[in-house]
Amino acid sequence: MFATIFLSAAILASTITALPTNTSSSNSSSSTPSNNVVNTLANNLTAIYDLELAPTAAIRLNMITQPYDWVYDFNNPPSNAVVQGKGGHTVRSDRLVFPPTIGNGVSMTVGFLGPCGFNTPHVHPRSAQINIVVQGRLGTEFTAENGVSTVFNELNTLQMTIFPQGAVHTEFNPDCTDAMFVAAFASEDPGVQQSAQTFFGLNEDIVSAALGTDTINGQDIDQFKSQIPANVALGVESCLAKCNIKKRKA
């Protein structure tokens, strides 16, 4: 069995010299683009599978032949890396959209929150998160699990907090100016699950029972669902009033 594995690894090492580039990319030059960096490996499933199967780290690193494939541009990300809402947007960098993270155990998200922008409550099932504010300030809170108190903080520029793995957490811009944060993860694929959206996606009877009332019928639940905003949302009423922002329906 081990002989077969070693032979397969030797064959792979001798035949794979470089990853295929993403043919949908307009940039195939071997030189670094001067302004508009295009990562040719983003969403390239063949390249991703090859990186995952590399028998050693050295072979995997040598498979990435273009220097600019080690660069990820949060100003020009792949379209599927962006989550856009009425209150701002987030841009993620994980193993799908930035395959050089494979084997390195890290990923990152940058959040751009407009005035009163609200990153709705969510969890990351496969990683803790460290979150630093790089512009403006943020209100943050998280609850790690049953029996643990909720932690509230207000972070100013260049202050950081931690959200434990699996904790329900949220970030909110309480000001009338833009805010930006950087979230780092100890996983190439931390995952994300929006809490309210997920809860109201359960069976209607389960939702009604969990809310502890028998006065909510299926039509009411559908109405609740329709009122849940897409992430990133516009935030609490007091901030909207302060900033003279009219809240729009989701």
C-alpha atoms as a PDB file:
ATOM      1  CA  MET A   1       0.000   0.000   0.000  1.00  0.00           C
ATOM      2  CA  PHE A   2       2.736   2.477   0.993  1.00  0.00           C
ATOM      3  CA  ALA A   3       4.750   1.546  -2.099  1.00  0.00           C
ATOM      4  CA  THR A   4       1.749   2.441  -4.253  1.00  0.00           C
ATOM      5  CA  ILE A   5       1.358   5.792  -2.480  1.00  0.00           C
ATOM      6  CA  PHE A   6       5.046   6.647  -2.887  1.00  0.00           C
ATOM      7  CA  LEU A   7       4.989   5.630  -6.567  1.00  0.00           C
ATOM      8  CA  SER A   8       1.901   7.787  -7.191  1.00  0.00           C
ATOM      9  CA  ALA A   9       3.573  10.726  -5.448  1.00  0.00           C
ATOM     10  CA  ALA A  10       6.698  10.323  -7.567  1.00  0.00           C
ATOM     11  CA  ILE A  11       4.665  10.228 -10.756  1.00  0.00           C
ATOM     12  CA  LEU A  12       2.736  13.340  -9.685  1.00  0.00           C
ATOM     13  CA  ALA A  13       5.934  15.195  -8.796  1.00  0.00           C
ATOM     14  CA  SER A  14       7.542  14.345 -12.133  1.00  0.00           C
ATOM     15  CA  THR A  15       4.553  15.281 -14.279  1.00  0.00           C
ATOM     16  CA  ILE A  16       3.068  18.391 -12.614  1.00  0.00           C
ATOM     17  CA  THR A  17       5.297  21.422 -13.075  1.00  0.00           C
ATOM     18  CA  ALA A  18       2.809  24.277 -13.046  1.00  0.00           C
ATOM     19  CA  LEU A  19      -0.850  24.902 -12.475  1.00  0.00           C
ATOM     20  CA  PRO A  20      -3.215  25.621 -15.351  1.00  0.00           C
ATOM     21  CA  THR A  21      -4.262  29.224 -15.527  1.00  0.00           C
ATOM     22  CA  ASN A  22      -7.836  30.384 -15.536  1.00  0.00           C
ATOM     23  CA  THR A  23      -8.641  30.745 -19.222  1.00  0.00           C
ATOM     24  CA  SER A  24     -11.447  33.162 -18.423  1.00  0.00           C
ATOM     25  CA  SER A  25      -8.889  35.692 -17.207  1.00  0.00           C
ATOM     26  CA  SER A  26      -7.871  38.379 -19.651  1.00  0.00           C
ATOM     27  CA  ASN A  27      -4.332  38.464 -18.238  1.00  0.00           C
ATOM     28  CA  SER A  28      -2.009  35.616 -19.226  1.00  0.00           C
ATOM     29  CA  SER A  29       1.285  37.514 -19.171  1.00  0.00           C
ATOM     30  CA  SER A  30       4.121  36.307 -16.984  1.00  0.00           C
ATOM     31  CA  SER A  31       4.788  39.849 -15.772  1.00  0.00           C
ATOM     32  CA  THR A  32       2.996  41.443 -12.855  1.00  0.00           C
ATOM     33  CA  PRO A  33       0.105  43.686 -13.975  1.00  0.00           C
ATOM     34  CA  SER A  34       0.973  47.276 -13.050  1.00  0.00           C
ATOM     35  CA  ASN A  35      -2.385  48.403 -11.644  1.00  0.00           C
ATOM     36  CA  ASN A  36      -5.146  45.841 -12.073  1.00  0.00           C
ATOM     37  CA  VAL A  37      -3.870  42.649 -10.438  1.00  0.00           C
ATOM     38  CA  VAL A  38      -5.660  39.564 -11.761  1.00  0.00           C
ATOM     39  CA  ASN A  39      -5.160  36.317  -9.873  1.00  0.00           C
ATOM     40  CA  THR A  40      -5.388  33.657 -12.584  1.00  0.00           C
ATOM     41  CA  LEU A  41      -5.992  30.833 -10.088  1.00  0.00           C
ATOM     42  CA  ALA A  42      -9.196  32.271  -8.587  1.00  0.00           C
ATOM     43  CA  ASN A  43     -12.134  29.838  -8.953  1.00  0.00           C
ATOM     44  CA  ASN A  44      -9.952  27.526 -11.062  1.00  0.00           C
ATOM     45  CA  LEU A  45     -11.161  24.159  -9.782  1.00  0.00           C
ATOM     46  CA  THR A  46      -8.515  22.178 -11.655  1.00  0.00           C
ATOM     47  CA  ALA A  47      -5.769  24.260 -10.059  1.00  0.00           C
ATOM     48  CA  ILE A  48      -7.391  23.973  -6.640  1.00  0.00           C
ATOM     49  CA  TYR A  49      -7.615  20.178  -6.862  1.00  0.00           C
ATOM     50  CA  ASP A  50      -3.974  19.965  -7.980  1.00  0.00           C
ATOM     51  CA  LEU A  51      -2.843  22.123  -5.066  1.00  0.00           C
ATOM     52  CA  GLU A  52      -4.808  19.975  -2.625  1.00  0.00           C
ATOM     53  CA  LEU A  53      -3.240  16.758  -3.976  1.00  0.00           C
ATOM     54  CA  ALA A  54       0.356  17.964  -3.968  1.00  0.00           C
ATOM     55  CA  PRO A  55       2.352  15.397  -1.937  1.00  0.00           C
ATOM     56  CA  THR A  56       4.694  17.979  -0.377  1.00  0.00           C
ATOM     57  CA  ALA A  57       4.576  21.663   0.457  1.00  0.00           C
ATOM     58  CA  ALA A  58       7.612  22.302  -1.770  1.00  0.00           C
ATOM     59  CA  ILE A  59       5.893  20.781  -4.790  1.00  0.00           C
ATOM     60  CA  ARG A  60       2.720  22.773  -4.060  1.00  0.00           C
ATOM     61  CA  LEU A  61       4.645  26.043  -3.773  1.00  0.00           C
ATOM     62  CA  ASN A  62       6.516  25.405  -7.025  1.00  0.00           C
ATOM     63  CA  MET A  63       3.230  24.774  -8.815  1.00  0.00           C
ATOM     64  CA  ILE A  64       2.350  28.463  -8.444  1.00  0.00           C
ATOM     65  CA  THR A  65       4.633  29.890 -11.104  1.00  0.00           C
ATOM     66  CA  GLN A  66       3.352  33.458 -11.517  1.00  0.00           C
ATOM     67  CA  PRO A  67       4.434  35.913  -8.783  1.00  0.00           C
ATOM     68  CA  TYR A  68       1.203  37.910  -9.064  1.00  0.00           C
ATOM     69  CA  ASP A  69      -0.836  34.787  -8.286  1.00  0.00           C
ATOM     70  CA  TRP A  70       0.417  35.315  -4.727  1.00  0.00           C
ATOM     71  CA  VAL A  71      -1.318  38.726  -4.689  1.00  0.00           C
ATOM     72  CA  TYR A  72      -4.980  39.216  -3.807  1.00  0.00           C
ATOM     73  CA  ASP A  73      -6.526  42.581  -4.635  1.00  0.00           C
ATOM     74  CA  PHE A  74      -9.443  43.461  -2.330  1.00  0.00           C
ATOM     75  CA  ASN A  75     -10.166  46.416  -4.633  1.00  0.00           C
ATOM     76  CA  ASN A  76     -10.613  44.093  -7.607  1.00  0.00           C
ATOM     77  CA  PRO A  77     -11.839  40.735  -6.248  1.00  0.00           C
ATOM     78  CA  PRO A  78     -13.638  37.948  -8.097  1.00  0.00           C
ATOM     79  CA  SER A  79     -17.362  38.697  -8.189  1.00  0.00           C
ATOM     80  CA  ASN A  80     -18.262  35.665  -6.054  1.00  0.00           C
ATOM     81  CA  ALA A  81     -15.993  36.941  -3.256  1.00  0.00           C
ATOM     82  CA  VAL A  82     -18.248  39.962  -2.624  1.00  0.00           C
ATOM     83  CA  VAL A  83     -21.352  40.101  -0.428  1.00  0.00           C
ATOM     84  CA  GLN A  84     -23.230  43.317  -1.145  1.00  0.00           C
ATOM     85  CA  GLY A  85     -26.019  44.841   0.929  1.00  0.00           C
ATOM     86  CA  LYS A  86     -27.688  48.194   1.504  1.00  0.00           C
ATOM     87  CA  GLY A  87     -25.307  49.043   4.353  1.00  0.00           C
ATOM     88  CA  GLY A  88     -22.013  48.137   2.689  1.00  0.00           C
ATOM     89  CA  HIS A  89     -20.189  45.055   1.504  1.00  0.00           C
ATOM     90  CA  THR A  90     -17.642  42.445   2.502  1.00  0.00           C
ATOM     91  CA  VAL A  91     -14.895  40.848   0.405  1.00  0.00           C
ATOM     92  CA  ARG A  92     -13.544  37.437   1.360  1.00  0.00           C
ATOM     93  CA  SER A  93     -10.256  35.783   0.456  1.00  0.00           C
ATOM     94  CA  ASP A  94     -10.382  32.010   0.948  1.00  0.00           C
ATOM     95  CA  ARG A  95      -9.147  28.863  -0.811  1.00  0.00           C
ATOM     96  CA  LEU A  96     -11.700  29.176  -3.616  1.00  0.00           C
ATOM     97  CA  VAL A  97     -10.991  32.752  -4.685  1.00  0.00           C
ATOM     98  CA  PHE A  98      -7.343  32.811  -3.547  1.00  0.00           C
ATOM     99  CA  PRO A  99      -5.956  29.250  -3.935  1.00  0.00           C
ATOM    100  CA  PRO A 100      -2.438  30.090  -2.606  1.00  0.00           C
ATOM    101  CA  THR A 101      -4.032  29.927   0.864  1.00  0.00           C
ATOM    102  CA  ILE A 102      -4.262  26.128   0.390  1.00  0.00           C
ATOM    103  CA  GLY A 103      -1.876  24.440   2.784  1.00  0.00           C
ATOM    104  CA  ASN A 104      -1.302  27.640   4.756  1.00  0.00           C
ATOM    105  CA  GLY A 105      -4.372  27.486   6.998  1.00  0.00           C
ATOM    106  CA  VAL A 106      -5.365  31.147   6.745  1.00  0.00           C
ATOM    107  CA  SER A 107      -7.956  33.371   5.076  1.00  0.00           C
ATOM    108  CA  MET A 108      -9.243  36.926   5.407  1.00  0.00           C
ATOM    109  CA  THR A 109     -12.294  39.127   4.933  1.00  0.00           C
ATOM    110  CA  VAL A 110     -12.364  42.907   4.589  1.00  0.00           C
ATOM    111  CA  GLY A 111     -15.586  44.664   5.536  1.00  0.00           C
ATOM    112  CA  PHE A 112     -16.631  48.037   4.131  1.00  0.00           C
ATOM    113  CA  LEU A 113     -19.491  49.394   6.250  1.00  0.00           C
ATOM    114  CA  GLY A 114     -21.245  52.593   5.259  1.00  0.00           C
ATOM    115  CA  PRO A 115     -22.930  54.917   7.757  1.00  0.00           C
ATOM    116  CA  CYS A 116     -25.006  52.735  10.116  1.00  0.00           C
ATOM    117  CA  GLY A 117     -23.830  49.641   8.225  1.00  0.00           C
ATOM    118  CA  PHE A 118     -24.538  46.373  10.016  1.00  0.00           C
ATOM    119  CA  ASN A 119     -22.802  43.038   9.456  1.00  0.00           C
ATOM    120  CA  THR A 120     -25.762  40.910  10.566  1.00  0.00           C
ATOM    121  CA  PRO A 121     -25.315  38.207  13.261  1.00  0.00           C
ATOM    122  CA  HIS A 122     -23.512  35.138  11.943  1.00  0.00           C
ATOM    123  CA  VAL A 123     -21.121  32.341  12.861  1.00  0.00           C
ATOM    124  CA  HIS A 124     -17.970  30.858  11.343  1.00  0.00           C
ATOM    125  CA  PRO A 125     -18.145  27.101  11.951  1.00  0.00           C
ATOM    126  CA  ARG A 126     -14.501  26.277  11.259  1.00  0.00           C
ATOM    127  CA  SER A 127     -12.438  29.112  12.742  1.00  0.00           C
ATOM    128  CA  ALA A 128     -12.096  31.769  15.383  1.00  0.00           C
ATOM    129  CA  GLN A 129     -11.809  35.323  14.060  1.00  0.00           C
ATOM    130  CA  ILE A 130      -9.565  38.237  14.960  1.00  0.00           C
ATOM    131  CA  ASN A 131     -11.076  41.538  13.894  1.00  0.00           C
ATOM    132  CA  ILE A 132      -9.235  44.865  13.654  1.00  0.00           C
ATOM    133  CA  VAL A 133     -10.802  48.223  12.784  1.00  0.00           C
ATOM    134  CA  VAL A 134      -8.731  50.097  10.205  1.00  0.00           C
ATOM    135  CA  GLN A 135     -11.112  53.007   9.593  1.00  0.00           C
ATOM    136  CA  GLY A 136     -13.755  54.581  11.814  1.00  0.00           C
ATOM    137  CA  ARG A 137     -15.113  52.573  14.720  1.00  0.00           C
ATOM    138  CA  LEU A 138     -17.304  49.536  15.299  1.00  0.00           C
ATOM    139  CA  GLY A 139     -19.673  48.220  17.903  1.00  0.00           C
ATOM    140  CA  THR A 140     -19.136  44.475  18.308  1.00  0.00           C
ATOM    141  CA  GLU A 141     -20.755  41.729  20.288  1.00  0.00           C
ATOM    142  CA  PHE A 142     -20.651  37.968  20.477  1.00  0.00           C
ATOM    143  CA  THR A 143     -22.101  35.054  22.400  1.00  0.00           C
ATOM    144  CA  ALA A 144     -19.881  31.977  22.424  1.00  0.00           C
ATOM    145  CA  GLU A 145     -22.341  29.341  23.693  1.00  0.00           C
ATOM    146  CA  ASN A 146     -25.105  28.594  26.189  1.00  0.00           C
ATOM    147  CA  GLY A 147     -24.226  29.674  29.718  1.00  0.00           C
ATOM    148  CA  VAL A 148     -21.638  32.260  28.596  1.00  0.00           C
ATOM    149  CA  SER A 149     -22.323  35.978  28.881  1.00  0.00           C
ATOM    150  CA  THR A 150     -22.566  38.113  25.764  1.00  0.00           C
ATOM    151  CA  VAL A 151     -19.522  40.348  25.251  1.00  0.00           C
ATOM    152  CA  PHE A 152     -20.076  43.924  24.025  1.00  0.00           C
ATOM    153  CA  ASN A 153     -17.286  46.256  22.890  1.00  0.00           C
ATOM    154  CA  GLU A 154     -16.772  49.508  21.030  1.00  0.00           C
ATOM    155  CA  LEU A 155     -13.618  49.421  18.914  1.00  0.00           C
ATOM    156  CA  ASN A 156     -11.814  52.523  17.713  1.00  0.00           C
ATOM    157  CA  THR A 157      -9.372  52.625  14.801  1.00  0.00           C
ATOM    158  CA  LEU A 158      -6.554  50.069  15.202  1.00  0.00           C
ATOM    159  CA  GLN A 159      -8.267  48.275  18.076  1.00  0.00           C
ATOM    160  CA  MET A 160      -8.933  44.556  17.777  1.00  0.00           C
ATOM    161  CA  THR A 161     -11.136  41.868  19.269  1.00  0.00           C
ATOM    162  CA  ILE A 162     -11.559  38.091  18.991  1.00  0.00           C
ATOM    163  CA  PHE A 163     -14.686  36.108  18.164  1.00  0.00           C
ATOM    164  CA  PRO A 164     -14.333  32.478  19.302  1.00  0.00           C
ATOM    165  CA  GLN A 165     -14.949  29.716  16.773  1.00  0.00           C
ATOM    166  CA  GLY A 166     -18.672  29.124  16.291  1.00  0.00           C
ATOM    167  CA  ALA A 167     -19.700  32.194  18.321  1.00  0.00           C
ATOM    168  CA  VAL A 168     -22.662  34.249  17.101  1.00  0.00           C
ATOM    169  CA  HIS A 169     -21.221  37.711  16.472  1.00  0.00           C
ATOM    170  CA  THR A 170     -21.873  40.966  14.697  1.00  0.00           C
ATOM    171  CA  GLU A 171     -20.225  44.268  13.776  1.00  0.00           C
ATOM    172  CA  PHE A 172     -22.028  47.607  13.521  1.00  0.00           C
ATOM    173  CA  ASN A 173     -20.885  51.041  12.337  1.00  0.00           C
ATOM    174  CA  PRO A 174     -22.509  53.534  14.749  1.00  0.00           C
ATOM    175  CA  ASP A 175     -21.322  56.630  12.894  1.00  0.00           C
ATOM    176  CA  CYS A 176     -22.334  58.687   9.877  1.00  0.00           C
ATOM    177  CA  THR A 177     -19.002  58.084   8.149  1.00  0.00           C
ATOM    178  CA  ASP A 178     -17.581  54.950   6.546  1.00  0.00           C
ATOM    179  CA  ALA A 179     -15.880  52.233   8.574  1.00  0.00           C
ATOM    180  CA  MET A 180     -13.640  49.387   7.502  1.00  0.00           C
ATOM    181  CA  PHE A 181     -12.442  46.266   9.295  1.00  0.00           C
ATOM    182  CA  VAL A 182     -10.144  43.350   8.546  1.00  0.00           C
ATOM    183  CA  ALA A 183     -11.093  39.881   9.786  1.00  0.00           C
ATOM    184  CA  ALA A 184      -8.471  37.125   9.821  1.00  0.00           C
ATOM    185  CA  PHE A 185      -9.170  33.410  10.187  1.00  0.00           C
ATOM    186  CA  ALA A 186      -7.129  30.343  11.121  1.00  0.00           C
ATOM    187  CA  SER A 187      -8.705  28.339   8.304  1.00  0.00           C
ATOM    188  CA  GLU A 188      -8.566  28.392   4.507  1.00  0.00           C
ATOM    189  CA  ASP A 189     -12.338  27.859   4.532  1.00  0.00           C
ATOM    190  CA  PRO A 190     -13.870  29.254   7.750  1.00  0.00           C
ATOM    191  CA  GLY A 191     -17.417  29.179   6.372  1.00  0.00           C
ATOM    192  CA  VAL A 192     -20.215  31.527   7.373  1.00  0.00           C
ATOM    193  CA  GLN A 193     -23.838  31.134   8.423  1.00  0.00           C
ATOM    194  CA  GLN A 194     -26.155  34.124   8.903  1.00  0.00           C
ATOM    195  CA  SER A 195     -28.143  33.477  12.084  1.00  0.00           C
ATOM    196  CA  ALA A 196     -31.548  35.085  11.469  1.00  0.00           C
ATOM    197  CA  GLN A 197     -31.707  34.053   7.837  1.00  0.00           C
ATOM    198  CA  THR A 198     -30.861  30.461   8.767  1.00  0.00           C
ATOM    199  CA  PHE A 199     -33.331  30.311  11.655  1.00  0.00           C
ATOM    200  CA  PHE A 200     -36.290  31.485   9.596  1.00  0.00           C
ATOM    201  CA  GLY A 201     -35.326  29.022   6.887  1.00  0.00           C
ATOM    202  CA  LEU A 202     -36.250  26.112   9.173  1.00  0.00           C
ATOM    203  CA  ASN A 203     -39.594  24.323   9.067  1.00  0.00           C
ATOM    204  CA  GLU A 204     -42.422  26.719   9.966  1.00  0.00           C
ATOM    205  CA  ASP A 205     -43.629  24.546  12.863  1.00  0.00           C
ATOM    206  CA  ILE A 206     -40.122  24.457  14.301  1.00  0.00           C
ATOM    207  CA  VAL A 207     -39.776  28.236  14.024  1.00  0.00           C
ATOM    208  CA  SER A 208     -43.117  28.785  15.723  1.00  0.00           C
ATOM    209  CA  ALA A 209     -42.314  26.335  18.531  1.00  0.00           C
ATOM    210  CA  ALA A 210     -38.851  27.810  19.082  1.00  0.00           C
ATOM    211  CA  LEU A 211     -40.368  31.289  19.424  1.00  0.00           C
ATOM    212  CA  GLY A 212     -42.663  29.904  22.123  1.00  0.00           C
ATOM    213  CA  THR A 213     -45.935  30.957  20.576  1.00  0.00           C
ATOM    214  CA  ASP A 214     -48.748  29.306  18.674  1.00  0.00           C
ATOM    215  CA  THR A 215     -50.012  32.600  17.247  1.00  0.00           C
ATOM    216  CA  ILE A 216     -47.535  32.675  14.368  1.00  0.00           C
ATOM    217  CA  ASN A 217     -48.724  30.881  11.279  1.00  0.00           C
ATOM    218  CA  GLY A 218     -46.951  30.123   8.040  1.00  0.00           C
ATOM    219  CA  GLN A 219     -48.063  33.382   6.463  1.00  0.00           C
ATOM    220  CA  ASP A 220     -46.627  35.378   9.387  1.00  0.00           C
ATOM    221  CA  ILE A 221     -43.323  33.514   9.163  1.00  0.00           C
ATOM    222  CA  ASP A 222     -43.129  34.221   5.448  1.00  0.00           C
ATOM    223  CA  GLN A 223     -43.681  37.899   6.261  1.00  0.00           C
ATOM    224  CA  PHE A 224     -40.877  37.794   8.837  1.00  0.00           C
ATOM    225  CA  LYS A 225     -38.589  36.201   6.265  1.00  0.00           C
ATOM    226  CA  SER A 226     -39.352  38.934   3.758  1.00  0.00           C
ATOM    227  CA  GLN A 227     -38.339  41.595   6.295  1.00  0.00           C
ATOM    228  CA  ILE A 228     -34.914  40.087   7.057  1.00  0.00           C
ATOM    229  CA  PRO A 229     -32.370  42.234   5.214  1.00  0.00           C
ATOM    230  CA  ALA A 230     -29.580  40.860   3.099  1.00  0.00           C
ATOM    231  CA  ASN A 231     -26.137  41.227   4.623  1.00  0.00           C
ATOM    232  CA  VAL A 232     -24.651  43.896   4.884  1.00  0.00           C
ATOM    233  CA  ALA A 233     -27.737  45.664   6.268  1.00  0.00           C
ATOM    234  CA  LEU A 234     -28.608  49.168   7.368  1.00  0.00           C
ATOM    235  CA  GLY A 235     -28.457  49.275  11.147  1.00  0.00           C
ATOM    236  CA  VAL A 236     -30.419  50.313  14.202  1.00  0.00           C
ATOM    237  CA  GLU A 237     -33.037  53.037  14.153  1.00  0.00           C
ATOM    238  CA  SER A 238     -31.173  55.441  16.469  1.00  0.00           C
ATOM    239  CA  CYS A 239     -28.165  55.539  14.123  1.00  0.00           C
ATOM    240  CA  LEU A 240     -30.355  55.947  11.067  1.00  0.00           C
ATOM    241  CA  ALA A 241     -32.139  58.878  12.698  1.00  0.00           C
ATOM    242  CA  LYS A 242     -28.840  60.460  13.773  1.00  0.00           C
ATOM    243  CA  CYS A 243     -27.445  60.205  10.266  1.00  0.00           C
ATOM    244  CA  ASN A 244     -30.747  61.174   8.600  1.00  0.00           C
ATOM    245  CA  ILE A 245     -30.860  57.907   6.653  1.00  0.00           C
ATOM    246  CA  LYS A 246     -34.204  56.603   5.501  1.00  0.00           C
ATOM    247  CA  LYS A 247     -34.368  52.852   6.001  1.00  0.00           C
ATOM    248  CA  ARG A 248     -35.356  50.989   2.864  1.00  0.00           C
ATOM    249  CA  LYS A 249     -37.015  47.609   2.697  1.00  0.00           C
ATOM    250  CA  ALA A 250     -34.731  44.635   2.056  1.00  0.00           C
END
